[in-house]
Amino acid sequence: MINQAKQDIDKNGYLSIDIDPTLDIFAEIQRLKKEKNAILLAHYYQDADIQDIADYIGDSLGLAQQAEKTTADLIVFAGVHFMAETAKILNPHKKVVLPDMKAGCSLADSCPAEEFSAFKAQHPNHVVVSYINCTADIKALSDYIVTSSNAEVIVNSIPKEKGIIFAPDKNLGAYLVKKTGRDMILWDGACMVHEIFSLEKIAKLKLKHPEALLISHPECEAPLLEISDFIGSTTALLKFTQQSTAKEFIVATETGILHKMQLSSPEKTFIPAPPDNSCACNDCPHMKRNTLEKIYLCMQYEQPEILMDPLLIEKSRLPIDRMLEISAKAGL
């Protein structure tokens, strides 16, 4: 049965094994953590149940920092593929598992390595700054990796005489151009979740909630950022809602963060910014592929496992280490 289930990973992206419906999955995951010296890392965009059982919840920078310093033997990553890949790059001799190998990223997919390599060749003497939401192949082609938490600091650390290529997110890149004054060459990539918000529907929400502050992730498009009361990384958005005296917030990012916001400030109201159609497109379909059942199975059988070429790990680690070093110096 296990062998058949492993074969199904290629087809489904995850272990396909029936679970006893009476099983206490929360208790079983906690048991396996102790038994296997495992750590469960989860992004803020995961479902509430996964956040509640995780050992650490954070944004891309925080998750990378946790992955770098963990003493666990088994890293279970409740996020998307590039995040688990980053954990493996930072821990090449540890086992890293992802509950669903098809938990990808539309932003990472928007920047194929072969095309980006050709793009880079057109701009010699430029350094490459890549958002962490990219594949290991793109990281290996980069000089610096950034997250939305540290991008401004890292861009400002680059000598002003150096030309910069920024990939893959054009919206974050344009925001950084505005913030830093650097004239960067932008790759034309974007996140499907952060480009779907409706300005018209947000304007109507503001009429219903005139005291609400609009807070947005910098992956959103410029017209939305221009009308936002606060712009920041996922962690920065969370901290802002904790510290602000406002009682209502319209949140323009993936809806998973609302769980932590509500837990941190139960007396406040958090309204997800509406998409420009009737679907729940401000939920990331890739993040939501992870479930408690898949986490239990991948922890139990240590599959699907992130496997990478050692040379790719070596090349892609350099810009990540550079990011972590600059972030540490900046106190991030």
C-alpha atoms as a PDB file:
ATOM      1  CA  MET A   1       0.000   0.000   0.000  1.00  0.00           C
ATOM      2  CA  ILE A   2       2.848   2.393   0.887  1.00  0.00           C
ATOM      3  CA  ASN A   3       4.624   1.704  -2.389  1.00  0.00           C
ATOM      4  CA  GLN A   4       1.423   2.393  -4.307  1.00  0.00           C
ATOM      5  CA  ALA A   5       0.907   5.599  -2.321  1.00  0.00           C
ATOM      6  CA  LYS A   6       4.433   6.746  -3.167  1.00  0.00           C
ATOM      7  CA  GLN A   7       3.700   6.165  -6.829  1.00  0.00           C
ATOM      8  CA  ASP A   8       0.640   8.378  -6.437  1.00  0.00           C
ATOM      9  CA  ILE A   9       2.890  11.274  -5.356  1.00  0.00           C
ATOM     10  CA  ASP A  10       3.891  11.760  -8.974  1.00  0.00           C
ATOM     11  CA  LYS A  11       0.244  11.904 -10.008  1.00  0.00           C
ATOM     12  CA  ASN A  12      -1.374  13.717  -7.069  1.00  0.00           C
ATOM     13  CA  GLY A  13       1.565  15.467  -5.468  1.00  0.00           C
ATOM     14  CA  TYR A  14       0.925  13.911  -2.052  1.00  0.00           C
ATOM     15  CA  LEU A  15       0.740  10.554  -0.259  1.00  0.00           C
ATOM     16  CA  SER A  16      -2.608   8.918  -0.932  1.00  0.00           C
ATOM     17  CA  ILE A  17      -3.346   6.701   2.079  1.00  0.00           C
ATOM     18  CA  ASP A  18      -6.679   6.311   3.861  1.00  0.00           C
ATOM     19  CA  ILE A  19      -6.654   7.577   7.442  1.00  0.00           C
ATOM     20  CA  ASP A  20      -8.772   6.143  10.250  1.00  0.00           C
ATOM     21  CA  PRO A  21     -11.531   8.774  10.672  1.00  0.00           C
ATOM     22  CA  THR A  22     -11.421   8.323  14.463  1.00  0.00           C
ATOM     23  CA  LEU A  23      -7.719   9.237  14.610  1.00  0.00           C
ATOM     24  CA  ASP A  24      -6.874  12.362  16.605  1.00  0.00           C
ATOM     25  CA  ILE A  25      -4.671  13.976  13.968  1.00  0.00           C
ATOM     26  CA  PHE A  26      -3.647  16.873  16.213  1.00  0.00           C
ATOM     27  CA  ALA A  27      -2.389  14.436  18.866  1.00  0.00           C
ATOM     28  CA  GLU A  28      -0.693  12.246  16.270  1.00  0.00           C
ATOM     29  CA  ILE A  29       1.189  15.171  14.750  1.00  0.00           C
ATOM     30  CA  GLN A  30       2.381  16.236  18.203  1.00  0.00           C
ATOM     31  CA  ARG A  31       3.488  12.651  18.919  1.00  0.00           C
ATOM     32  CA  LEU A  32       5.413  12.441  15.650  1.00  0.00           C
ATOM     33  CA  LYS A  33       7.159  15.743  16.307  1.00  0.00           C
ATOM     34  CA  LYS A  34       8.664  14.324  19.512  1.00  0.00           C
ATOM     35  CA  GLU A  35       9.301  10.854  18.114  1.00  0.00           C
ATOM     36  CA  LYS A  36      11.123  12.077  15.004  1.00  0.00           C
ATOM     37  CA  ASN A  37      12.623  15.311  16.363  1.00  0.00           C
ATOM     38  CA  ALA A  38      10.578  17.096  13.719  1.00  0.00           C
ATOM     39  CA  ILE A  39       9.651  20.750  13.372  1.00  0.00           C
ATOM     40  CA  LEU A  40       6.527  21.993  11.592  1.00  0.00           C
ATOM     41  CA  LEU A  41       7.061  25.356   9.886  1.00  0.00           C
ATOM     42  CA  ALA A  42       3.974  27.101   8.523  1.00  0.00           C
ATOM     43  CA  HIS A  43       3.369  30.250   6.516  1.00  0.00           C
ATOM     44  CA  TYR A  44       0.753  32.787   7.610  1.00  0.00           C
ATOM     45  CA  TYR A  45      -1.305  31.848   4.540  1.00  0.00           C
ATOM     46  CA  GLN A  46      -2.035  28.321   5.790  1.00  0.00           C
ATOM     47  CA  ASP A  47      -5.438  27.290   7.127  1.00  0.00           C
ATOM     48  CA  ALA A  48      -6.137  28.118  10.766  1.00  0.00           C
ATOM     49  CA  ASP A  49      -5.816  24.501  12.004  1.00  0.00           C
ATOM     50  CA  ILE A  50      -2.343  24.212  10.498  1.00  0.00           C
ATOM     51  CA  GLN A  51      -1.247  27.525  12.009  1.00  0.00           C
ATOM     52  CA  ASP A  52      -2.519  26.391  15.407  1.00  0.00           C
ATOM     53  CA  ILE A  53      -0.415  23.213  15.432  1.00  0.00           C
ATOM     54  CA  ALA A  54       2.730  24.657  13.845  1.00  0.00           C
ATOM     55  CA  ASP A  55       5.931  25.144  15.858  1.00  0.00           C
ATOM     56  CA  TYR A  56       6.610  28.383  14.036  1.00  0.00           C
ATOM     57  CA  ILE A  57       4.388  30.606  11.897  1.00  0.00           C
ATOM     58  CA  GLY A  58       5.895  33.381   9.833  1.00  0.00           C
ATOM     59  CA  ASP A  59       6.535  35.122   6.542  1.00  0.00           C
ATOM     60  CA  SER A  60       9.254  34.113   4.096  1.00  0.00           C
ATOM     61  CA  LEU A  61      12.064  35.869   5.975  1.00  0.00           C
ATOM     62  CA  GLY A  62      11.087  34.450   9.350  1.00  0.00           C
ATOM     63  CA  LEU A  63      10.678  30.961   7.904  1.00  0.00           C
ATOM     64  CA  ALA A  64      14.100  31.097   6.254  1.00  0.00           C
ATOM     65  CA  GLN A  65      15.655  32.262   9.526  1.00  0.00           C
ATOM     66  CA  GLN A  66      13.955  29.446  11.448  1.00  0.00           C
ATOM     67  CA  ALA A  67      15.001  26.886   8.847  1.00  0.00           C
ATOM     68  CA  GLU A  68      18.606  28.062   9.098  1.00  0.00           C
ATOM     69  CA  LYS A  69      18.860  27.666  12.872  1.00  0.00           C
ATOM     70  CA  THR A  70      16.671  24.625  13.556  1.00  0.00           C
ATOM     71  CA  THR A  71      18.173  21.632  15.355  1.00  0.00           C
ATOM     72  CA  ALA A  72      15.376  19.341  14.162  1.00  0.00           C
ATOM     73  CA  ASP A  73      16.223  16.247  12.129  1.00  0.00           C
ATOM     74  CA  LEU A  74      13.044  16.435  10.057  1.00  0.00           C
ATOM     75  CA  ILE A  75      11.651  19.695   8.659  1.00  0.00           C
ATOM     76  CA  VAL A  76       7.992  19.570   7.686  1.00  0.00           C
ATOM     77  CA  PHE A  77       7.088  22.631   5.657  1.00  0.00           C
ATOM     78  CA  ALA A  78       3.464  23.741   5.496  1.00  0.00           C
ATOM     79  CA  GLY A  79       3.833  26.237   2.702  1.00  0.00           C
ATOM     80  CA  VAL A  80       4.644  26.079  -0.988  1.00  0.00           C
ATOM     81  CA  HIS A  81       7.419  24.404  -2.938  1.00  0.00           C
ATOM     82  CA  PHE A  82       9.934  27.269  -3.115  1.00  0.00           C
ATOM     83  CA  MET A  83       9.744  27.654   0.686  1.00  0.00           C
ATOM     84  CA  ALA A  84      10.515  23.988   1.332  1.00  0.00           C
ATOM     85  CA  GLU A  85      13.249  24.213  -1.304  1.00  0.00           C
ATOM     86  CA  THR A  86      14.783  27.148   0.589  1.00  0.00           C
ATOM     87  CA  ALA A  87      14.734  25.105   3.800  1.00  0.00           C
ATOM     88  CA  LYS A  88      16.571  22.288   2.001  1.00  0.00           C
ATOM     89  CA  ILE A  89      19.148  24.735   0.603  1.00  0.00           C
ATOM     90  CA  LEU A  90      19.841  25.907   4.166  1.00  0.00           C
ATOM     91  CA  ASN A  91      19.850  22.323   5.514  1.00  0.00           C
ATOM     92  CA  PRO A  92      21.320  20.131   2.781  1.00  0.00           C
ATOM     93  CA  HIS A  93      21.985  17.227   5.148  1.00  0.00           C
ATOM     94  CA  LYS A  94      18.537  17.190   6.746  1.00  0.00           C
ATOM     95  CA  LYS A  95      15.325  15.686   5.446  1.00  0.00           C
ATOM     96  CA  VAL A  96      12.772  18.281   4.310  1.00  0.00           C
ATOM     97  CA  VAL A  97       9.255  17.171   3.411  1.00  0.00           C
ATOM     98  CA  LEU A  98       6.366  19.040   1.824  1.00  0.00           C
ATOM     99  CA  PRO A  99       2.799  17.776   2.371  1.00  0.00           C
ATOM    100  CA  ASP A 100       1.889  18.351  -1.277  1.00  0.00           C
ATOM    101  CA  MET A 101       4.507  18.655  -4.015  1.00  0.00           C
ATOM    102  CA  LYS A 102       1.994  20.448  -6.241  1.00  0.00           C
ATOM    103  CA  ALA A 103       1.764  23.331  -3.777  1.00  0.00           C
ATOM    104  CA  GLY A 104       3.516  25.687  -6.173  1.00  0.00           C
ATOM    105  CA  CYS A 105       3.535  29.453  -6.677  1.00  0.00           C
ATOM    106  CA  SER A 106       2.149  31.474  -9.585  1.00  0.00           C
ATOM    107  CA  LEU A 107       4.865  34.093  -9.047  1.00  0.00           C
ATOM    108  CA  ALA A 108       7.680  31.539  -9.154  1.00  0.00           C
ATOM    109  CA  ASP A 109       6.097  29.967 -12.243  1.00  0.00           C
ATOM    110  CA  SER A 110       6.122  33.354 -13.982  1.00  0.00           C
ATOM    111  CA  CYS A 111       9.925  33.312 -14.170  1.00  0.00           C
ATOM    112  CA  PRO A 112      11.305  30.271 -16.053  1.00  0.00           C
ATOM    113  CA  ALA A 113      15.052  29.893 -15.499  1.00  0.00           C
ATOM    114  CA  GLU A 114      15.997  29.531 -19.167  1.00  0.00           C
ATOM    115  CA  GLU A 115      14.123  32.693 -20.160  1.00  0.00           C
ATOM    116  CA  PHE A 116      15.461  34.622 -17.193  1.00  0.00           C
ATOM    117  CA  SER A 117      19.027  33.542 -17.956  1.00  0.00           C
ATOM    118  CA  ALA A 118      18.665  35.025 -21.465  1.00  0.00           C
ATOM    119  CA  PHE A 119      17.130  38.203 -19.975  1.00  0.00           C
ATOM    120  CA  LYS A 120      20.040  38.516 -17.553  1.00  0.00           C
ATOM    121  CA  ALA A 121      22.545  38.154 -20.401  1.00  0.00           C
ATOM    122  CA  GLN A 122      20.987  41.199 -22.103  1.00  0.00           C
ATOM    123  CA  HIS A 123      21.982  43.351 -19.115  1.00  0.00           C
ATOM    124  CA  PRO A 124      25.633  42.674 -18.322  1.00  0.00           C
ATOM    125  CA  ASN A 125      27.246  44.418 -15.350  1.00  0.00           C
ATOM    126  CA  HIS A 126      23.940  44.378 -13.476  1.00  0.00           C
ATOM    127  CA  VAL A 127      23.465  42.594 -10.161  1.00  0.00           C
ATOM    128  CA  VAL A 128      20.409  40.380  -9.849  1.00  0.00           C
ATOM    129  CA  VAL A 129      18.101  40.873  -6.879  1.00  0.00           C
ATOM    130  CA  SER A 130      15.427  38.181  -6.715  1.00  0.00           C
ATOM    131  CA  TYR A 131      12.399  37.959  -4.479  1.00  0.00           C
ATOM    132  CA  ILE A 132      12.470  34.741  -2.464  1.00  0.00           C
ATOM    133  CA  ASN A 133       9.269  33.639  -4.253  1.00  0.00           C
ATOM    134  CA  CYS A 134      11.272  31.987  -7.021  1.00  0.00           C
ATOM    135  CA  THR A 135      12.755  28.604  -7.862  1.00  0.00           C
ATOM    136  CA  ALA A 136      16.197  27.440  -6.785  1.00  0.00           C
ATOM    137  CA  ASP A 137      17.312  27.805 -10.407  1.00  0.00           C
ATOM    138  CA  ILE A 138      16.500  31.535 -10.270  1.00  0.00           C
ATOM    139  CA  LYS A 139      18.198  31.851  -6.882  1.00  0.00           C
ATOM    140  CA  ALA A 140      21.319  30.314  -8.411  1.00  0.00           C
ATOM    141  CA  LEU A 141      21.267  33.055 -11.076  1.00  0.00           C
ATOM    142  CA  SER A 142      20.933  35.791  -8.434  1.00  0.00           C
ATOM    143  CA  ASP A 143      23.335  37.909  -6.415  1.00  0.00           C
ATOM    144  CA  TYR A 144      20.877  38.758  -3.645  1.00  0.00           C
ATOM    145  CA  ILE A 145      17.648  37.187  -2.427  1.00  0.00           C
ATOM    146  CA  VAL A 146      15.112  39.434  -0.687  1.00  0.00           C
ATOM    147  CA  THR A 147      11.760  39.135   1.028  1.00  0.00           C
ATOM    148  CA  SER A 148       9.159  41.870   1.333  1.00  0.00           C
ATOM    149  CA  SER A 149      10.431  42.383   4.907  1.00  0.00           C
ATOM    150  CA  ASN A 150      14.016  43.189   3.947  1.00  0.00           C
ATOM    151  CA  ALA A 151      13.929  44.156   0.252  1.00  0.00           C
ATOM    152  CA  GLU A 152      14.281  47.901   0.823  1.00  0.00           C
ATOM    153  CA  VAL A 153      17.232  47.453   3.192  1.00  0.00           C
ATOM    154  CA  ILE A 154      19.032  45.099   0.810  1.00  0.00           C
ATOM    155  CA  VAL A 155      18.461  47.244  -2.288  1.00  0.00           C
ATOM    156  CA  ASN A 156      19.770  50.260  -0.379  1.00  0.00           C
ATOM    157  CA  SER A 157      22.893  48.284   0.590  1.00  0.00           C
ATOM    158  CA  ILE A 158      23.916  47.821  -3.059  1.00  0.00           C
ATOM    159  CA  PRO A 159      26.379  50.459  -4.336  1.00  0.00           C
ATOM    160  CA  LYS A 160      24.515  53.138  -6.273  1.00  0.00           C
ATOM    161  CA  GLU A 161      26.755  52.769  -9.318  1.00  0.00           C
ATOM    162  CA  LYS A 162      25.582  49.187  -9.764  1.00  0.00           C
ATOM    163  CA  GLY A 163      22.693  48.512 -12.128  1.00  0.00           C
ATOM    164  CA  ILE A 164      20.012  46.189 -10.721  1.00  0.00           C
ATOM    165  CA  ILE A 165      17.754  43.589 -12.291  1.00  0.00           C
ATOM    166  CA  PHE A 166      14.802  42.784 -10.009  1.00  0.00           C
ATOM    167  CA  ALA A 167      12.851  39.545 -10.409  1.00  0.00           C
ATOM    168  CA  PRO A 168      10.315  38.077 -10.522  1.00  0.00           C
ATOM    169  CA  ASP A 169       7.641  40.394  -9.036  1.00  0.00           C
ATOM    170  CA  LYS A 170       7.115  43.563 -11.074  1.00  0.00           C
ATOM    171  CA  ASN A 171       4.738  45.056  -8.486  1.00  0.00           C
ATOM    172  CA  LEU A 172       7.149  44.673  -5.566  1.00  0.00           C
ATOM    173  CA  GLY A 173       9.918  45.883  -7.896  1.00  0.00           C
ATOM    174  CA  ALA A 174       7.982  49.017  -8.867  1.00  0.00           C
ATOM    175  CA  TYR A 175       7.222  49.698  -5.196  1.00  0.00           C
ATOM    176  CA  LEU A 176      10.942  49.404  -4.381  1.00  0.00           C
ATOM    177  CA  VAL A 177      11.862  51.765  -7.225  1.00  0.00           C
ATOM    178  CA  LYS A 178       9.551  54.315  -5.644  1.00  0.00           C
ATOM    179  CA  LYS A 179      10.855  53.707  -2.115  1.00  0.00           C
ATOM    180  CA  THR A 180      14.580  53.587  -2.891  1.00  0.00           C
ATOM    181  CA  GLY A 181      14.880  55.799  -5.960  1.00  0.00           C
ATOM    182  CA  ARG A 182      16.870  53.071  -7.737  1.00  0.00           C
ATOM    183  CA  ASP A 183      16.146  52.679 -11.448  1.00  0.00           C
ATOM    184  CA  MET A 184      15.832  48.891 -11.587  1.00  0.00           C
ATOM    185  CA  ILE A 185      15.111  46.683 -14.603  1.00  0.00           C
ATOM    186  CA  LEU A 186      12.024  44.642 -13.720  1.00  0.00           C
ATOM    187  CA  TRP A 187      11.125  41.127 -14.799  1.00  0.00           C
ATOM    188  CA  ASP A 188       7.446  40.920 -15.814  1.00  0.00           C
ATOM    189  CA  GLY A 189       6.107  38.520 -13.159  1.00  0.00           C
ATOM    190  CA  ALA A 190       3.282  38.746 -10.627  1.00  0.00           C
ATOM    191  CA  CYS A 191       1.321  36.874  -7.956  1.00  0.00           C
ATOM    192  CA  MET A 192      -2.167  35.801  -9.012  1.00  0.00           C
ATOM    193  CA  VAL A 193      -3.580  36.473  -5.533  1.00  0.00           C
ATOM    194  CA  HIS A 194      -2.257  40.007  -5.174  1.00  0.00           C
ATOM    195  CA  GLU A 195      -3.331  41.132  -8.658  1.00  0.00           C
ATOM    196  CA  ILE A 196      -6.961  40.127  -8.248  1.00  0.00           C
ATOM    197  CA  PHE A 197      -8.196  42.806  -5.835  1.00  0.00           C
ATOM    198  CA  SER A 198     -10.973  45.103  -7.042  1.00  0.00           C
ATOM    199  CA  LEU A 199     -10.496  48.845  -6.519  1.00  0.00           C
ATOM    200  CA  GLU A 200     -14.204  49.409  -7.134  1.00  0.00           C
ATOM    201  CA  LYS A 201     -15.292  46.890  -4.505  1.00  0.00           C
ATOM    202  CA  ILE A 202     -12.728  48.201  -2.033  1.00  0.00           C
ATOM    203  CA  ALA A 203     -14.082  51.736  -2.556  1.00  0.00           C
ATOM    204  CA  LYS A 204     -17.587  50.459  -1.745  1.00  0.00           C
ATOM    205  CA  LEU A 205     -16.249  48.726   1.359  1.00  0.00           C
ATOM    206  CA  LYS A 206     -14.662  51.980   2.473  1.00  0.00           C
ATOM    207  CA  LEU A 207     -18.061  53.683   2.220  1.00  0.00           C
ATOM    208  CA  LYS A 208     -19.561  51.002   4.487  1.00  0.00           C
ATOM    209  CA  HIS A 209     -16.571  51.131   6.855  1.00  0.00           C
ATOM    210  CA  PRO A 210     -15.327  54.743   6.736  1.00  0.00           C
ATOM    211  CA  GLU A 211     -13.054  54.258   9.765  1.00  0.00           C
ATOM    212  CA  ALA A 212     -11.379  51.140   8.370  1.00  0.00           C
ATOM    213  CA  LEU A 213      -7.734  51.352   7.322  1.00  0.00           C
ATOM    214  CA  LEU A 214      -6.715  49.723   4.048  1.00  0.00           C
ATOM    215  CA  ILE A 215      -3.507  47.737   4.549  1.00  0.00           C
ATOM    216  CA  SER A 216      -1.776  46.072   1.606  1.00  0.00           C
ATOM    217  CA  HIS A 217       1.102  43.791   0.696  1.00  0.00           C
ATOM    218  CA  PRO A 218       3.604  45.344  -1.759  1.00  0.00           C
ATOM    219  CA  GLU A 219       2.919  42.519  -4.248  1.00  0.00           C
ATOM    220  CA  CYS A 220      -0.355  44.348  -5.003  1.00  0.00           C
ATOM    221  CA  GLU A 221      -0.633  46.585  -8.057  1.00  0.00           C
ATOM    222  CA  ALA A 222       0.361  50.254  -7.843  1.00  0.00           C
ATOM    223  CA  PRO A 223      -3.183  51.773  -7.991  1.00  0.00           C
ATOM    224  CA  LEU A 224      -4.140  49.788  -4.887  1.00  0.00           C
ATOM    225  CA  LEU A 225      -0.921  50.665  -3.062  1.00  0.00           C
ATOM    226  CA  GLU A 226      -1.508  54.354  -3.819  1.00  0.00           C
ATOM    227  CA  ILE A 227      -4.776  54.380  -1.862  1.00  0.00           C
ATOM    228  CA  SER A 228      -3.503  52.184   1.001  1.00  0.00           C
ATOM    229  CA  ASP A 229      -3.075  53.509   4.520  1.00  0.00           C
ATOM    230  CA  PHE A 230      -0.208  51.113   5.198  1.00  0.00           C
ATOM    231  CA  ILE A 231       1.974  48.890   2.989  1.00  0.00           C
ATOM    232  CA  GLY A 232       4.143  46.103   4.335  1.00  0.00           C
ATOM    233  CA  SER A 233       5.173  42.478   4.426  1.00  0.00           C
ATOM    234  CA  THR A 234       2.857  39.931   5.980  1.00  0.00           C
ATOM    235  CA  THR A 235       4.603  40.289   9.325  1.00  0.00           C
ATOM    236  CA  ALA A 236       4.600  44.088   9.051  1.00  0.00           C
ATOM    237  CA  LEU A 237       0.855  44.076   8.333  1.00  0.00           C
ATOM    238  CA  LEU A 238       0.267  41.909  11.410  1.00  0.00           C
ATOM    239  CA  LYS A 239       2.381  44.166  13.641  1.00  0.00           C
ATOM    240  CA  PHE A 240       0.635  47.256  12.300  1.00  0.00           C
ATOM    241  CA  THR A 241      -2.796  45.889  13.256  1.00  0.00           C
ATOM    242  CA  GLN A 242      -1.508  45.038  16.730  1.00  0.00           C
ATOM    243  CA  GLN A 243      -0.080  48.511  17.327  1.00  0.00           C
ATOM    244  CA  SER A 244      -2.662  50.668  15.562  1.00  0.00           C
ATOM    245  CA  THR A 245      -5.466  52.334  17.503  1.00  0.00           C
ATOM    246  CA  ALA A 246      -7.819  51.694  14.572  1.00  0.00           C
ATOM    247  CA  LYS A 247     -10.576  49.146  15.160  1.00  0.00           C
ATOM    248  CA  GLU A 248     -11.265  48.074  11.555  1.00  0.00           C
ATOM    249  CA  PHE A 249      -8.956  46.997   8.757  1.00  0.00           C
ATOM    250  CA  ILE A 250      -9.458  46.041   5.118  1.00  0.00           C
ATOM    251  CA  VAL A 251      -6.671  43.568   4.403  1.00  0.00           C
ATOM    252  CA  ALA A 252      -5.288  43.273   0.862  1.00  0.00           C
ATOM    253  CA  THR A 253      -3.274  40.082   0.974  1.00  0.00           C
ATOM    254  CA  GLU A 254      -3.959  36.351   1.225  1.00  0.00           C
ATOM    255  CA  THR A 255      -6.757  35.676   3.727  1.00  0.00           C
ATOM    256  CA  GLY A 256      -4.771  33.217   5.862  1.00  0.00           C
ATOM    257  CA  ILE A 257      -3.188  36.100   7.782  1.00  0.00           C
ATOM    258  CA  LEU A 258      -6.595  37.160   9.143  1.00  0.00           C
ATOM    259  CA  HIS A 259      -6.539  34.201  11.555  1.00  0.00           C
ATOM    260  CA  LYS A 260      -3.425  35.479  13.327  1.00  0.00           C
ATOM    261  CA  MET A 261      -4.660  39.068  13.203  1.00  0.00           C
ATOM    262  CA  GLN A 262      -7.920  38.083  14.879  1.00  0.00           C
ATOM    263  CA  LEU A 263      -6.128  36.020  17.532  1.00  0.00           C
ATOM    264  CA  SER A 264      -3.766  38.907  18.276  1.00  0.00           C
ATOM    265  CA  SER A 265      -6.486  41.583  18.353  1.00  0.00           C
ATOM    266  CA  PRO A 266      -9.847  39.914  19.114  1.00  0.00           C
ATOM    267  CA  GLU A 267     -11.513  43.261  19.727  1.00  0.00           C
ATOM    268  CA  LYS A 268     -10.775  44.461  16.190  1.00  0.00           C
ATOM    269  CA  THR A 269     -12.496  43.734  12.860  1.00  0.00           C
ATOM    270  CA  PHE A 270     -10.605  42.400   9.841  1.00  0.00           C
ATOM    271  CA  ILE A 271     -12.207  42.440   6.408  1.00  0.00           C
ATOM    272  CA  PRO A 272     -10.593  40.635   3.462  1.00  0.00           C
ATOM    273  CA  ALA A 273     -10.192  42.922   0.446  1.00  0.00           C
ATOM    274  CA  PRO A 274     -12.571  41.592  -2.232  1.00  0.00           C
ATOM    275  CA  PRO A 275     -11.378  40.188  -5.564  1.00  0.00           C
ATOM    276  CA  ASP A 276     -12.689  41.483  -8.887  1.00  0.00           C
ATOM    277  CA  ASN A 277     -14.904  38.434  -9.413  1.00  0.00           C
ATOM    278  CA  SER A 278     -17.102  36.136  -7.349  1.00  0.00           C
ATOM    279  CA  CYS A 279     -14.513  33.450  -6.564  1.00  0.00           C
ATOM    280  CA  ALA A 280     -12.324  33.271  -3.458  1.00  0.00           C
ATOM    281  CA  CYS A 281      -9.293  34.303  -5.505  1.00  0.00           C
ATOM    282  CA  ASN A 282      -7.689  36.063  -2.554  1.00  0.00           C
ATOM    283  CA  ASP A 283      -7.109  32.556  -1.169  1.00  0.00           C
ATOM    284  CA  CYS A 284      -3.927  31.082  -2.631  1.00  0.00           C
ATOM    285  CA  PRO A 285      -4.970  27.733  -4.151  1.00  0.00           C
ATOM    286  CA  HIS A 286      -1.405  26.448  -3.797  1.00  0.00           C
ATOM    287  CA  MET A 287      -1.128  27.266  -0.086  1.00  0.00           C
ATOM    288  CA  LYS A 288      -4.537  25.730   0.526  1.00  0.00           C
ATOM    289  CA  ARG A 289      -3.458  22.379  -0.966  1.00  0.00           C
ATOM    290  CA  ASN A 290      -1.902  21.585   2.407  1.00  0.00           C
ATOM    291  CA  THR A 291      -4.185  19.895   4.949  1.00  0.00           C
ATOM    292  CA  LEU A 292      -3.777  18.404   8.403  1.00  0.00           C
ATOM    293  CA  GLU A 293      -4.203  14.936   6.906  1.00  0.00           C
ATOM    294  CA  LYS A 294      -1.418  15.501   4.372  1.00  0.00           C
ATOM    295  CA  ILE A 295       0.846  16.899   7.098  1.00  0.00           C
ATOM    296  CA  TYR A 296       0.249  13.834   9.263  1.00  0.00           C
ATOM    297  CA  LEU A 297       0.985  11.428   6.410  1.00  0.00           C
ATOM    298  CA  CYS A 298       4.118  13.211   5.215  1.00  0.00           C
ATOM    299  CA  MET A 299       5.416  13.334   8.780  1.00  0.00           C
ATOM    300  CA  GLN A 300       4.585   9.672   9.376  1.00  0.00           C
ATOM    301  CA  TYR A 301       6.144   8.345   6.162  1.00  0.00           C
ATOM    302  CA  GLU A 302       8.612  11.212   5.539  1.00  0.00           C
ATOM    303  CA  GLN A 303       7.332  11.665   1.999  1.00  0.00           C
ATOM    304  CA  PRO A 304       7.177  13.598  -0.336  1.00  0.00           C
ATOM    305  CA  GLU A 305      10.788  14.623   0.231  1.00  0.00           C
ATOM    306  CA  ILE A 306      12.541  17.652  -1.271  1.00  0.00           C
ATOM    307  CA  LEU A 307      15.576  16.357  -3.168  1.00  0.00           C
ATOM    308  CA  MET A 308      18.021  18.711  -4.876  1.00  0.00           C
ATOM    309  CA  ASP A 309      21.265  18.566  -6.813  1.00  0.00           C
ATOM    310  CA  PRO A 310      24.200  19.437  -4.485  1.00  0.00           C
ATOM    311  CA  LEU A 311      25.670  21.903  -7.000  1.00  0.00           C
ATOM    312  CA  LEU A 312      22.328  23.732  -7.277  1.00  0.00           C
ATOM    313  CA  ILE A 313      22.146  23.884  -3.477  1.00  0.00           C
ATOM    314  CA  GLU A 314      25.627  25.384  -3.340  1.00  0.00           C
ATOM    315  CA  LYS A 315      24.928  28.040  -5.998  1.00  0.00           C
ATOM    316  CA  SER A 316      21.491  29.018  -4.702  1.00  0.00           C
ATOM    317  CA  ARG A 317      22.663  29.273  -1.097  1.00  0.00           C
ATOM    318  CA  LEU A 318      25.103  32.131  -1.720  1.00  0.00           C
ATOM    319  CA  PRO A 319      22.467  34.864  -2.324  1.00  0.00           C
ATOM    320  CA  ILE A 320      20.320  33.513   0.533  1.00  0.00           C
ATOM    321  CA  ASP A 321      23.250  33.684   2.957  1.00  0.00           C
ATOM    322  CA  ARG A 322      23.905  37.218   1.746  1.00  0.00           C
ATOM    323  CA  MET A 323      20.273  38.108   2.514  1.00  0.00           C
ATOM    324  CA  LEU A 324      20.394  36.580   5.998  1.00  0.00           C
ATOM    325  CA  GLU A 325      23.666  38.362   6.795  1.00  0.00           C
ATOM    326  CA  ILE A 326      22.377  41.797   5.716  1.00  0.00           C
ATOM    327  CA  SER A 327      19.080  41.209   7.532  1.00  0.00           C
ATOM    328  CA  ALA A 328      20.890  40.274  10.749  1.00  0.00           C
ATOM    329  CA  LYS A 329      23.074  43.393  10.569  1.00  0.00           C
ATOM    330  CA  ALA A 330      19.948  45.503  10.051  1.00  0.00           C
ATOM    331  CA  GLY A 331      18.245  43.885  13.035  1.00  0.00           C
ATOM    332  CA  LEU A 332      15.506  42.307  10.941  1.00  0.00           C
END
